[in-house]
């Protein structure tokens, strides 16, 4: 799926390698976009969102819920407004 977006012109895609739980995905994506809005680059935003998820859910945040999210493409730049 990522390849289709990249071929269509997307510079970067964040996607999960496997099916994930909605509760953790929603929390992760909210934090990801908050970091992006605050000016962090895409790669850093994903990393920090994963750390935030671990802090929020502690022992309940098993890697299966967050580790599959990967960034493909150019992760260095921040989002443009």
C-alpha atoms as a PDB file:
ATOM      1  CA  UNK A   1       0.000   0.000   0.000  1.00  0.00           C
ATOM      2  CA  UNK A   2       2.828   2.396   0.832  1.00  0.00           C
ATOM      3  CA  UNK A   3       4.251   1.977  -2.648  1.00  0.00           C
ATOM      4  CA  UNK A   4       1.000   3.119  -4.272  1.00  0.00           C
ATOM      5  CA  UNK A   5       1.059   6.362  -2.276  1.00  0.00           C
ATOM      6  CA  UNK A   6       4.725   6.949  -3.068  1.00  0.00           C
ATOM      7  CA  UNK A   7       4.142   6.327  -6.782  1.00  0.00           C
ATOM      8  CA  UNK A   8       1.214   8.750  -6.635  1.00  0.00           C
ATOM      9  CA  UNK A   9       3.564  11.465  -5.384  1.00  0.00           C
ATOM     10  CA  UNK A  10       3.579  11.232  -1.588  1.00  0.00           C
ATOM     11  CA  UNK A  11       6.977  12.114  -0.146  1.00  0.00           C
ATOM     12  CA  UNK A  12       6.503   9.929   2.929  1.00  0.00           C
ATOM     13  CA  UNK A  13       4.028   7.360   4.243  1.00  0.00           C
ATOM     14  CA  UNK A  14       3.503   6.107   7.778  1.00  0.00           C
ATOM     15  CA  UNK A  15       1.812   2.727   7.850  1.00  0.00           C
ATOM     16  CA  UNK A  16       1.516  -0.357  10.011  1.00  0.00           C
ATOM     17  CA  UNK A  17       3.054  -3.667   9.003  1.00  0.00           C
ATOM     18  CA  UNK A  18       0.178  -5.537  10.660  1.00  0.00           C
ATOM     19  CA  UNK A  19      -3.334  -5.049  12.039  1.00  0.00           C
ATOM     20  CA  UNK A  20      -3.328  -3.054  15.276  1.00  0.00           C
ATOM     21  CA  UNK A  21      -5.724  -2.218  18.077  1.00  0.00           C
ATOM     22  CA  UNK A  22      -7.788   0.938  17.502  1.00  0.00           C
ATOM     23  CA  UNK A  23      -7.297   2.311  21.007  1.00  0.00           C
ATOM     24  CA  UNK A  24      -3.513   2.367  20.723  1.00  0.00           C
ATOM     25  CA  UNK A  25      -3.504   3.450  17.078  1.00  0.00           C
ATOM     26  CA  UNK A  26      -5.723   6.453  17.814  1.00  0.00           C
ATOM     27  CA  UNK A  27      -3.506   7.485  20.732  1.00  0.00           C
ATOM     28  CA  UNK A  28      -0.367   7.044  18.642  1.00  0.00           C
ATOM     29  CA  UNK A  29      -1.704   9.043  15.686  1.00  0.00           C
ATOM     30  CA  UNK A  30      -2.946  11.888  17.872  1.00  0.00           C
ATOM     31  CA  UNK A  31       0.494  12.244  19.412  1.00  0.00           C
ATOM     32  CA  UNK A  32       2.208  11.870  16.036  1.00  0.00           C
ATOM     33  CA  UNK A  33       0.220  14.739  14.529  1.00  0.00           C
ATOM     34  CA  UNK A  34       0.724  16.873  17.633  1.00  0.00           C
ATOM     35  CA  UNK A  35       4.488  16.528  17.257  1.00  0.00           C
ATOM     36  CA  UNK A  36       4.190  17.353  13.540  1.00  0.00           C
ATOM     37  CA  UNK A  37       2.103  20.460  14.275  1.00  0.00           C
ATOM     38  CA  UNK A  38       4.724  21.517  16.818  1.00  0.00           C
ATOM     39  CA  UNK A  39       7.338  21.491  14.053  1.00  0.00           C
ATOM     40  CA  UNK A  40       9.143  18.185  14.548  1.00  0.00           C
ATOM     41  CA  UNK A  41      10.172  16.248  11.450  1.00  0.00           C
ATOM     42  CA  UNK A  42       8.262  13.112  10.466  1.00  0.00           C
ATOM     43  CA  UNK A  43      10.811  10.618  11.755  1.00  0.00           C
ATOM     44  CA  UNK A  44      11.187  12.322  15.121  1.00  0.00           C
ATOM     45  CA  UNK A  45       7.421  12.725  15.422  1.00  0.00           C
ATOM     46  CA  UNK A  46       6.851   8.992  14.977  1.00  0.00           C
ATOM     47  CA  UNK A  47       9.595   8.125  17.457  1.00  0.00           C
ATOM     48  CA  UNK A  48       8.284  10.566  20.061  1.00  0.00           C
ATOM     49  CA  UNK A  49       4.693   9.393  19.549  1.00  0.00           C
ATOM     50  CA  UNK A  50       5.808   5.828  20.282  1.00  0.00           C
ATOM     51  CA  UNK A  51       7.561   7.021  23.439  1.00  0.00           C
ATOM     52  CA  UNK A  52       4.441   8.949  24.458  1.00  0.00           C
ATOM     53  CA  UNK A  53       2.348   5.817  23.977  1.00  0.00           C
ATOM     54  CA  UNK A  54       4.681   3.840  26.222  1.00  0.00           C
ATOM     55  CA  UNK A  55       4.499   6.543  28.868  1.00  0.00           C
ATOM     56  CA  UNK A  56       0.702   6.784  28.682  1.00  0.00           C
ATOM     57  CA  UNK A  57      -0.107   3.058  28.714  1.00  0.00           C
ATOM     58  CA  UNK A  58       2.977   1.713  30.526  1.00  0.00           C
ATOM     59  CA  UNK A  59       2.880  -2.119  30.739  1.00  0.00           C
ATOM     60  CA  UNK A  60      -0.275  -2.315  28.607  1.00  0.00           C
ATOM     61  CA  UNK A  61       1.528  -0.855  25.559  1.00  0.00           C
ATOM     62  CA  UNK A  62       2.875  -4.101  24.192  1.00  0.00           C
ATOM     63  CA  UNK A  63       5.128  -3.743  21.126  1.00  0.00           C
ATOM     64  CA  UNK A  64       2.512  -5.448  18.953  1.00  0.00           C
ATOM     65  CA  UNK A  65       0.404  -2.279  19.346  1.00  0.00           C
ATOM     66  CA  UNK A  66       3.027   0.240  18.208  1.00  0.00           C
ATOM     67  CA  UNK A  67       6.203  -1.338  16.828  1.00  0.00           C
ATOM     68  CA  UNK A  68       4.716  -2.102  13.409  1.00  0.00           C
ATOM     69  CA  UNK A  69       4.317   1.552  12.469  1.00  0.00           C
ATOM     70  CA  UNK A  70       7.044   2.516  10.042  1.00  0.00           C
ATOM     71  CA  UNK A  71       7.977   5.553   8.015  1.00  0.00           C
ATOM     72  CA  UNK A  72       8.754   5.020   4.335  1.00  0.00           C
ATOM     73  CA  UNK A  73      10.184   7.847   2.265  1.00  0.00           C
ATOM     74  CA  UNK A  74      11.550  11.217   3.314  1.00  0.00           C
ATOM     75  CA  UNK A  75      11.200  11.506   7.076  1.00  0.00           C
ATOM     76  CA  UNK A  76      13.537  14.430   7.563  1.00  0.00           C
ATOM     77  CA  UNK A  77      11.232  17.305   6.734  1.00  0.00           C
ATOM     78  CA  UNK A  78       8.412  18.724   8.792  1.00  0.00           C
ATOM     79  CA  UNK A  79       4.941  18.959   7.291  1.00  0.00           C
ATOM     80  CA  UNK A  80       4.278  22.012   5.197  1.00  0.00           C
ATOM     81  CA  UNK A  81       1.407  24.307   6.066  1.00  0.00           C
END
